[in-house]
Amino acid sequence: MTARSKDTAQPVLDDFPYRLSDNVRFADLDPNNHVNNAVYASYFETGRVTLVKDPSHALIPDGLSWVLVRLDIHFRAELHWPGKIELGVGVVKLGRTSVHFDQVVFSEGACVASARAVTVLVDLQTRKPTPLTQPLIANFARWWLRGVDRV
């Protein structure tokens, strides 16, 4: 890692209840020989999709699906190949039809990128937003980011 963001609010990986490891791939690099900015969207997608599509978590009701409607990424440091990364995901807000996640990518103990992702629950037939049910809200309870008030 070389260039770093001067943002002092650094996320802590242990605050994220859902975590998984991945590898930096050679194909992730750009001509500057660091991970291309666009690749981070894939890293964040891997974290969210791995969480919600795991059948044991029961986060996708029958006939419904999640659609990403917003992804705000903060690039904090360069990331290079080869390397391992740790991905973290935590719920920070539940809306009427949406779930807001904070996400991070860590490398060698440092946060190299963070993001806020907003997903909306949609009916697979109509493609219209669908309200979260109480069972679904209960299933998200274990994935709240540590330190975030559940409002």
N, C-alpha and C. Protein backbone atom coordinates (compact mmCIF):
# COMPACT_ATOMS: atom_id res chain seq x y z
N MET A 1 0.83 -1.18 0.00
CA MET A 1 0.00 0.00 0.00
C MET A 1 0.88 1.25 0.00
N THR A 2 0.44 2.26 -0.71
CA THR A 2 1.20 3.51 -0.76
C THR A 2 0.28 4.68 -0.45
N ALA A 3 -0.23 5.36 -1.46
CA ALA A 3 -1.06 6.55 -1.23
C ALA A 3 -2.26 6.22 -0.35
N ARG A 4 -2.56 7.11 0.59
CA ARG A 4 -3.67 6.91 1.54
C ARG A 4 -4.56 8.14 1.60
N SER A 5 -5.83 7.92 1.86
CA SER A 5 -6.77 9.00 2.12
C SER A 5 -6.43 9.62 3.47
N LYS A 6 -6.68 10.91 3.64
CA LYS A 6 -6.41 11.58 4.91
C LYS A 6 -7.61 11.53 5.85
N ASP A 7 -8.67 10.82 5.46
CA ASP A 7 -9.86 10.69 6.32
C ASP A 7 -9.45 10.00 7.62
N THR A 8 -9.78 10.61 8.74
CA THR A 8 -9.36 10.06 10.03
C THR A 8 -10.34 9.04 10.60
N ALA A 9 -11.57 9.01 10.11
CA ALA A 9 -12.56 8.05 10.61
C ALA A 9 -12.33 6.70 9.95
N GLN A 10 -11.50 5.89 10.56
CA GLN A 10 -11.15 4.59 9.98
C GLN A 10 -12.08 3.50 10.51
N PRO A 11 -12.72 2.74 9.61
CA PRO A 11 -13.55 1.62 10.06
C PRO A 11 -12.71 0.55 10.75
N VAL A 12 -13.37 -0.23 11.58
CA VAL A 12 -12.73 -1.34 12.30
C VAL A 12 -13.37 -2.63 11.82
N LEU A 13 -12.57 -3.54 11.28
CA LEU A 13 -13.11 -4.76 10.70
C LEU A 13 -13.94 -5.57 11.69
N ASP A 14 -13.56 -5.59 12.95
CA ASP A 14 -14.29 -6.36 13.95
C ASP A 14 -15.71 -5.84 14.19
N ASP A 15 -16.03 -4.62 13.74
CA ASP A 15 -17.37 -4.07 13.89
C ASP A 15 -18.35 -4.65 12.87
N PHE A 16 -17.84 -5.33 11.86
CA PHE A 16 -18.66 -5.87 10.79
C PHE A 16 -19.00 -7.33 11.08
N PRO A 17 -20.28 -7.63 11.27
CA PRO A 17 -20.65 -8.98 11.70
C PRO A 17 -20.50 -10.05 10.62
N TYR A 18 -20.51 -9.65 9.35
CA TYR A 18 -20.33 -10.62 8.27
C TYR A 18 -19.00 -10.34 7.60
N ARG A 19 -18.14 -11.35 7.58
CA ARG A 19 -16.81 -11.18 6.99
C ARG A 19 -16.45 -12.40 6.15
N LEU A 20 -15.67 -12.14 5.12
CA LEU A 20 -15.12 -13.22 4.32
C LEU A 20 -13.82 -12.77 3.68
N SER A 21 -13.03 -13.74 3.27
CA SER A 21 -11.73 -13.47 2.65
C SER A 21 -11.83 -13.66 1.15
N ASP A 22 -10.98 -12.96 0.42
CA ASP A 22 -10.90 -13.10 -1.03
C ASP A 22 -9.46 -12.82 -1.43
N ASN A 23 -9.17 -12.97 -2.71
CA ASN A 23 -7.84 -12.70 -3.24
C ASN A 23 -7.89 -11.55 -4.21
N VAL A 24 -6.83 -10.75 -4.23
CA VAL A 24 -6.66 -9.77 -5.29
C VAL A 24 -6.18 -10.57 -6.50
N ARG A 25 -6.84 -10.36 -7.63
CA ARG A 25 -6.46 -11.06 -8.85
C ARG A 25 -5.61 -10.15 -9.74
N PHE A 26 -4.71 -10.75 -10.50
CA PHE A 26 -3.89 -9.97 -11.42
C PHE A 26 -4.79 -9.17 -12.37
N ALA A 27 -5.91 -9.75 -12.78
CA ALA A 27 -6.84 -9.08 -13.69
C ALA A 27 -7.50 -7.85 -13.06
N ASP A 28 -7.40 -7.71 -11.73
CA ASP A 28 -7.99 -6.55 -11.04
C ASP A 28 -7.18 -5.27 -11.24
N LEU A 29 -5.95 -5.39 -11.75
CA LEU A 29 -5.04 -4.25 -11.84
C LEU A 29 -5.35 -3.37 -13.04
N ASP A 30 -4.99 -2.09 -12.91
CA ASP A 30 -5.10 -1.14 -14.01
C ASP A 30 -3.69 -0.78 -14.48
N PRO A 31 -3.54 0.11 -15.46
CA PRO A 31 -2.20 0.45 -15.96
C PRO A 31 -1.27 1.07 -14.90
N ASN A 32 -1.84 1.57 -13.79
CA ASN A 32 -1.02 2.11 -12.71
C ASN A 32 -0.51 1.01 -11.78
N ASN A 33 -0.85 -0.24 -12.09
CA ASN A 33 -0.40 -1.41 -11.34
C ASN A 33 -0.99 -1.49 -9.93
N HIS A 34 -2.16 -0.85 -9.76
CA HIS A 34 -2.91 -1.06 -8.52
C HIS A 34 -4.33 -1.48 -8.91
N VAL A 35 -5.12 -1.94 -7.93
CA VAL A 35 -6.47 -2.40 -8.22
C VAL A 35 -7.28 -1.24 -8.78
N ASN A 36 -7.92 -1.49 -9.91
CA ASN A 36 -8.74 -0.49 -10.58
C ASN A 36 -9.94 -0.13 -9.71
N ASN A 37 -10.31 1.15 -9.71
CA ASN A 37 -11.42 1.62 -8.88
C ASN A 37 -12.71 0.84 -9.14
N ALA A 38 -12.99 0.50 -10.39
CA ALA A 38 -14.22 -0.20 -10.73
C ALA A 38 -14.29 -1.59 -10.09
N VAL A 39 -13.16 -2.20 -9.82
CA VAL A 39 -13.12 -3.55 -9.26
C VAL A 39 -13.67 -3.58 -7.84
N TYR A 40 -13.55 -2.48 -7.11
CA TYR A 40 -14.06 -2.44 -5.74
C TYR A 40 -15.56 -2.70 -5.70
N ALA A 41 -16.30 -2.27 -6.72
CA ALA A 41 -17.73 -2.56 -6.77
C ALA A 41 -17.96 -4.07 -6.78
N SER A 42 -17.08 -4.81 -7.45
CA SER A 42 -17.19 -6.28 -7.47
C SER A 42 -16.86 -6.86 -6.09
N TYR A 43 -15.85 -6.32 -5.43
CA TYR A 43 -15.54 -6.79 -4.08
C TYR A 43 -16.74 -6.58 -3.15
N PHE A 44 -17.34 -5.39 -3.22
CA PHE A 44 -18.48 -5.10 -2.36
C PHE A 44 -19.67 -5.98 -2.72
N GLU A 45 -19.88 -6.21 -4.02
CA GLU A 45 -20.95 -7.10 -4.46
C GLU A 45 -20.75 -8.51 -3.90
N THR A 46 -19.52 -9.00 -3.94
CA THR A 46 -19.23 -10.33 -3.41
C THR A 46 -19.64 -10.43 -1.95
N GLY A 47 -19.33 -9.42 -1.16
CA GLY A 47 -19.71 -9.43 0.25
C GLY A 47 -21.21 -9.45 0.46
N ARG A 48 -21.93 -8.55 -0.20
CA ARG A 48 -23.39 -8.47 -0.04
C ARG A 48 -24.08 -9.73 -0.54
N VAL A 49 -23.73 -10.16 -1.75
CA VAL A 49 -24.40 -11.29 -2.37
C VAL A 49 -24.14 -12.58 -1.59
N THR A 50 -22.91 -12.75 -1.13
CA THR A 50 -22.58 -13.94 -0.34
C THR A 50 -23.41 -13.98 0.93
N LEU A 51 -23.62 -12.83 1.55
CA LEU A 51 -24.45 -12.76 2.76
C LEU A 51 -25.91 -13.09 2.44
N VAL A 52 -26.52 -12.35 1.52
CA VAL A 52 -27.97 -12.49 1.33
C VAL A 52 -28.37 -13.77 0.62
N LYS A 53 -27.50 -14.34 -0.21
CA LYS A 53 -27.88 -15.55 -0.94
C LYS A 53 -27.62 -16.84 -0.18
N ASP A 54 -26.99 -16.76 0.98
CA ASP A 54 -26.80 -17.96 1.78
C ASP A 54 -28.16 -18.39 2.32
N PRO A 55 -28.65 -19.57 1.91
CA PRO A 55 -29.99 -19.99 2.32
C PRO A 55 -30.17 -20.08 3.84
N SER A 56 -29.09 -20.34 4.56
CA SER A 56 -29.20 -20.46 6.02
C SER A 56 -29.54 -19.13 6.69
N HIS A 57 -29.36 -18.00 5.99
CA HIS A 57 -29.67 -16.70 6.55
C HIS A 57 -31.11 -16.26 6.29
N ALA A 58 -31.78 -16.90 5.34
CA ALA A 58 -33.18 -16.61 5.00
C ALA A 58 -33.41 -15.12 4.74
N LEU A 59 -32.60 -14.55 3.84
CA LEU A 59 -32.71 -13.11 3.55
C LEU A 59 -33.32 -12.81 2.18
N ILE A 60 -33.74 -13.87 1.47
CA ILE A 60 -34.42 -13.67 0.18
C ILE A 60 -35.72 -14.49 0.21
N PRO A 61 -36.85 -13.83 0.50
CA PRO A 61 -38.13 -14.55 0.50
C PRO A 61 -38.48 -15.05 -0.90
N ASP A 62 -39.23 -16.12 -0.97
CA ASP A 62 -39.66 -16.67 -2.26
C ASP A 62 -40.37 -15.61 -3.09
N GLY A 63 -40.02 -15.56 -4.38
CA GLY A 63 -40.66 -14.65 -5.31
C GLY A 63 -40.13 -13.23 -5.26
N LEU A 64 -39.11 -12.99 -4.42
CA LEU A 64 -38.55 -11.64 -4.28
C LEU A 64 -37.05 -11.67 -4.56
N SER A 65 -36.47 -10.51 -4.76
CA SER A 65 -35.03 -10.39 -5.00
C SER A 65 -34.56 -9.03 -4.53
N TRP A 66 -33.24 -8.89 -4.39
CA TRP A 66 -32.64 -7.61 -4.00
C TRP A 66 -32.02 -6.94 -5.22
N VAL A 67 -32.23 -5.62 -5.33
CA VAL A 67 -31.66 -4.82 -6.41
C VAL A 67 -30.82 -3.71 -5.78
N LEU A 68 -29.59 -3.56 -6.25
CA LEU A 68 -28.73 -2.47 -5.79
C LEU A 68 -29.20 -1.17 -6.43
N VAL A 69 -29.47 -0.15 -5.60
CA VAL A 69 -29.92 1.13 -6.13
C VAL A 69 -28.90 2.25 -5.88
N ARG A 70 -27.94 2.00 -4.99
CA ARG A 70 -26.93 3.03 -4.72
C ARG A 70 -25.69 2.38 -4.15
N LEU A 71 -24.53 2.87 -4.60
CA LEU A 71 -23.25 2.42 -4.06
C LEU A 71 -22.31 3.61 -4.02
N ASP A 72 -21.98 4.05 -2.81
CA ASP A 72 -21.04 5.17 -2.61
C ASP A 72 -19.75 4.59 -2.06
N ILE A 73 -18.66 4.76 -2.80
CA ILE A 73 -17.38 4.16 -2.42
C ILE A 73 -16.40 5.24 -2.01
N HIS A 74 -15.70 4.99 -0.90
CA HIS A 74 -14.61 5.84 -0.44
C HIS A 74 -13.33 5.04 -0.62
N PHE A 75 -12.49 5.50 -1.54
CA PHE A 75 -11.20 4.84 -1.78
C PHE A 75 -10.19 5.41 -0.79
N ARG A 76 -9.63 4.55 0.05
CA ARG A 76 -8.80 4.99 1.17
C ARG A 76 -7.31 4.77 0.95
N ALA A 77 -6.94 3.74 0.19
CA ALA A 77 -5.52 3.44 -0.05
C ALA A 77 -5.41 2.57 -1.29
N GLU A 78 -4.24 2.61 -1.89
CA GLU A 78 -4.01 1.74 -3.05
C GLU A 78 -3.94 0.28 -2.59
N LEU A 79 -4.32 -0.60 -3.50
CA LEU A 79 -4.26 -2.03 -3.25
C LEU A 79 -3.54 -2.67 -4.42
N HIS A 80 -2.65 -3.59 -4.11
CA HIS A 80 -1.80 -4.19 -5.15
C HIS A 80 -1.94 -5.71 -5.17
N TRP A 81 -1.48 -6.28 -6.26
CA TRP A 81 -1.42 -7.72 -6.44
C TRP A 81 0.02 -8.16 -6.24
N PRO A 82 0.28 -9.32 -5.68
CA PRO A 82 -0.68 -10.27 -5.14
C PRO A 82 -1.10 -9.83 -3.73
N GLY A 83 -2.19 -10.38 -3.28
CA GLY A 83 -2.62 -10.06 -1.93
C GLY A 83 -3.94 -10.71 -1.58
N LYS A 84 -4.18 -10.75 -0.29
CA LYS A 84 -5.45 -11.24 0.25
C LYS A 84 -6.20 -10.04 0.81
N ILE A 85 -7.51 -10.11 0.72
CA ILE A 85 -8.34 -9.06 1.28
C ILE A 85 -9.39 -9.67 2.20
N GLU A 86 -9.83 -8.86 3.15
CA GLU A 86 -10.92 -9.23 4.05
C GLU A 86 -12.08 -8.27 3.75
N LEU A 87 -13.25 -8.84 3.53
CA LEU A 87 -14.44 -8.06 3.24
C LEU A 87 -15.34 -8.07 4.47
N GLY A 88 -15.92 -6.93 4.80
CA GLY A 88 -16.84 -6.83 5.92
C GLY A 88 -18.14 -6.18 5.48
N VAL A 89 -19.25 -6.69 6.03
CA VAL A 89 -20.58 -6.18 5.71
C VAL A 89 -21.37 -6.04 7.01
N GLY A 90 -22.08 -4.91 7.14
CA GLY A 90 -22.96 -4.71 8.29
C GLY A 90 -24.16 -3.86 7.91
N VAL A 91 -25.31 -4.21 8.43
CA VAL A 91 -26.54 -3.44 8.20
C VAL A 91 -26.48 -2.17 9.05
N VAL A 92 -26.84 -1.02 8.45
CA VAL A 92 -26.86 0.24 9.19
C VAL A 92 -28.24 0.89 9.22
N LYS A 93 -29.16 0.41 8.35
CA LYS A 93 -30.50 0.98 8.33
C LYS A 93 -31.43 0.03 7.59
N LEU A 94 -32.66 -0.08 8.11
CA LEU A 94 -33.72 -0.79 7.41
C LEU A 94 -34.79 0.23 7.05
N GLY A 95 -35.11 0.32 5.77
CA GLY A 95 -36.18 1.20 5.33
C GLY A 95 -37.46 0.41 5.15
N ARG A 96 -38.45 1.01 4.53
CA ARG A 96 -39.72 0.31 4.29
C ARG A 96 -39.51 -0.84 3.30
N THR A 97 -38.72 -0.59 2.24
CA THR A 97 -38.44 -1.60 1.22
C THR A 97 -36.95 -1.83 1.03
N SER A 98 -36.12 -1.18 1.84
CA SER A 98 -34.68 -1.18 1.59
C SER A 98 -33.85 -1.63 2.79
N VAL A 99 -32.63 -2.06 2.47
CA VAL A 99 -31.63 -2.34 3.49
C VAL A 99 -30.38 -1.56 3.08
N HIS A 100 -29.80 -0.84 4.06
CA HIS A 100 -28.59 -0.06 3.84
C HIS A 100 -27.45 -0.80 4.54
N PHE A 101 -26.37 -1.04 3.80
CA PHE A 101 -25.21 -1.73 4.32
C PHE A 101 -24.01 -0.81 4.34
N ASP A 102 -23.17 -0.91 5.36
CA ASP A 102 -21.82 -0.37 5.30
C ASP A 102 -20.92 -1.56 5.00
N GLN A 103 -19.91 -1.32 4.16
CA GLN A 103 -19.02 -2.38 3.73
C GLN A 103 -17.59 -1.89 3.72
N VAL A 104 -16.65 -2.82 3.89
CA VAL A 104 -15.23 -2.48 3.89
C VAL A 104 -14.42 -3.54 3.15
N VAL A 105 -13.26 -3.08 2.67
CA VAL A 105 -12.22 -3.97 2.15
C VAL A 105 -10.97 -3.66 2.95
N PHE A 106 -10.42 -4.68 3.59
CA PHE A 106 -9.20 -4.56 4.37
C PHE A 106 -8.09 -5.35 3.71
N SER A 107 -6.88 -4.83 3.79
CA SER A 107 -5.69 -5.53 3.33
C SER A 107 -4.57 -5.29 4.34
N GLU A 108 -3.94 -6.35 4.78
CA GLU A 108 -2.83 -6.25 5.74
C GLU A 108 -3.22 -5.41 6.95
N GLY A 109 -4.46 -5.58 7.43
CA GLY A 109 -4.92 -4.90 8.63
C GLY A 109 -5.39 -3.46 8.43
N ALA A 110 -5.33 -2.95 7.21
CA ALA A 110 -5.73 -1.55 6.95
C ALA A 110 -6.95 -1.52 6.03
N CYS A 111 -7.84 -0.58 6.29
CA CYS A 111 -9.01 -0.41 5.43
C CYS A 111 -8.57 0.33 4.16
N VAL A 112 -8.74 -0.33 3.01
CA VAL A 112 -8.35 0.28 1.74
C VAL A 112 -9.54 0.90 1.01
N ALA A 113 -10.76 0.47 1.38
CA ALA A 113 -11.97 1.07 0.78
C ALA A 113 -13.16 0.77 1.68
N SER A 114 -14.11 1.70 1.67
CA SER A 114 -15.35 1.51 2.39
C SER A 114 -16.49 1.98 1.49
N ALA A 115 -17.70 1.51 1.79
CA ALA A 115 -18.83 1.86 0.94
C ALA A 115 -20.12 1.83 1.73
N ARG A 116 -21.11 2.56 1.23
CA ARG A 116 -22.49 2.46 1.68
C ARG A 116 -23.27 1.94 0.48
N ALA A 117 -23.95 0.83 0.67
CA ALA A 117 -24.77 0.22 -0.39
C ALA A 117 -26.22 0.22 0.06
N VAL A 118 -27.11 0.59 -0.86
CA VAL A 118 -28.54 0.55 -0.59
C VAL A 118 -29.17 -0.44 -1.56
N THR A 119 -29.87 -1.43 -1.01
CA THR A 119 -30.56 -2.42 -1.82
C THR A 119 -32.05 -2.34 -1.55
N VAL A 120 -32.84 -2.62 -2.57
CA VAL A 120 -34.29 -2.58 -2.45
C VAL A 120 -34.85 -3.96 -2.77
N LEU A 121 -35.80 -4.40 -1.96
CA LEU A 121 -36.48 -5.67 -2.16
C LEU A 121 -37.54 -5.49 -3.24
N VAL A 122 -37.48 -6.33 -4.26
CA VAL A 122 -38.44 -6.21 -5.36
C VAL A 122 -39.13 -7.55 -5.62
N ASP A 123 -40.36 -7.45 -6.10
CA ASP A 123 -41.12 -8.61 -6.54
C ASP A 123 -40.56 -9.05 -7.89
N LEU A 124 -40.26 -10.34 -8.04
CA LEU A 124 -39.66 -10.84 -9.28
C LEU A 124 -40.60 -10.71 -10.48
N GLN A 125 -41.90 -10.77 -10.25
CA GLN A 125 -42.87 -10.68 -11.35
C GLN A 125 -43.08 -9.23 -11.78
N THR A 126 -43.39 -8.37 -10.82
CA THR A 126 -43.75 -6.98 -11.14
C THR A 126 -42.54 -6.06 -11.23
N ARG A 127 -41.43 -6.47 -10.61
CA ARG A 127 -40.21 -5.65 -10.51
C ARG A 127 -40.45 -4.39 -9.69
N LYS A 128 -41.48 -4.38 -8.87
CA LYS A 128 -41.81 -3.24 -8.02
C LYS A 128 -41.26 -3.46 -6.61
N PRO A 129 -40.88 -2.35 -5.93
CA PRO A 129 -40.43 -2.48 -4.54
C PRO A 129 -41.50 -3.12 -3.66
N THR A 130 -41.03 -3.92 -2.71
CA THR A 130 -41.90 -4.69 -1.82
C THR A 130 -41.50 -4.42 -0.37
N PRO A 131 -42.46 -4.13 0.51
CA PRO A 131 -42.11 -3.87 1.91
C PRO A 131 -41.44 -5.06 2.59
N LEU A 132 -40.50 -4.75 3.48
CA LEU A 132 -39.85 -5.78 4.28
C LEU A 132 -40.88 -6.37 5.25
N THR A 133 -40.84 -7.68 5.40
CA THR A 133 -41.73 -8.35 6.34
C THR A 133 -41.07 -8.43 7.71
N GLN A 134 -41.87 -8.67 8.74
CA GLN A 134 -41.30 -8.82 10.09
C GLN A 134 -40.32 -9.99 10.17
N PRO A 135 -40.62 -11.15 9.57
CA PRO A 135 -39.63 -12.24 9.62
C PRO A 135 -38.31 -11.85 8.94
N LEU A 136 -38.39 -11.13 7.84
CA LEU A 136 -37.17 -10.71 7.15
C LEU A 136 -36.38 -9.72 8.01
N ILE A 137 -37.07 -8.78 8.62
CA ILE A 137 -36.43 -7.82 9.53
C ILE A 137 -35.74 -8.57 10.66
N ALA A 138 -36.40 -9.57 11.21
CA ALA A 138 -35.81 -10.38 12.29
C ALA A 138 -34.56 -11.12 11.80
N ASN A 139 -34.58 -11.59 10.56
CA ASN A 139 -33.43 -12.32 10.02
C ASN A 139 -32.22 -11.41 9.80
N PHE A 140 -32.45 -10.12 9.60
CA PHE A 140 -31.33 -9.18 9.44
C PHE A 140 -30.74 -8.76 10.78
N ALA A 141 -31.40 -9.07 11.89
CA ALA A 141 -30.99 -8.58 13.21
C ALA A 141 -29.54 -8.94 13.55
N ARG A 142 -29.09 -10.11 13.19
CA ARG A 142 -27.73 -10.52 13.56
C ARG A 142 -26.64 -9.86 12.71
N TRP A 143 -27.04 -9.12 11.68
CA TRP A 143 -26.05 -8.53 10.76
C TRP A 143 -25.87 -7.03 10.95
N TRP A 144 -26.38 -6.46 12.05
CA TRP A 144 -26.20 -5.03 12.31
C TRP A 144 -24.74 -4.70 12.60
N LEU A 145 -24.27 -3.62 12.01
CA LEU A 145 -22.92 -3.12 12.28
C LEU A 145 -22.83 -2.74 13.75
N ARG A 146 -21.76 -3.19 14.40
CA ARG A 146 -21.57 -2.87 15.82
C ARG A 146 -21.50 -1.35 16.00
N GLY A 147 -22.24 -0.86 17.00
CA GLY A 147 -22.21 0.56 17.33
C GLY A 147 -23.27 1.39 16.62
N VAL A 148 -24.07 0.78 15.76
CA VAL A 148 -25.10 1.52 15.04
C VAL A 148 -26.44 1.32 15.75
N ASP A 149 -27.14 2.44 16.00
CA ASP A 149 -28.46 2.37 16.62
C ASP A 149 -29.46 1.78 15.64
N ARG A 150 -30.29 0.87 16.11
CA ARG A 150 -31.31 0.25 15.27
C ARG A 150 -32.58 1.06 15.38
N VAL A 151 -32.76 1.96 14.42
CA VAL A 151 -33.92 2.84 14.45
C VAL A 151 -34.94 2.38 13.44
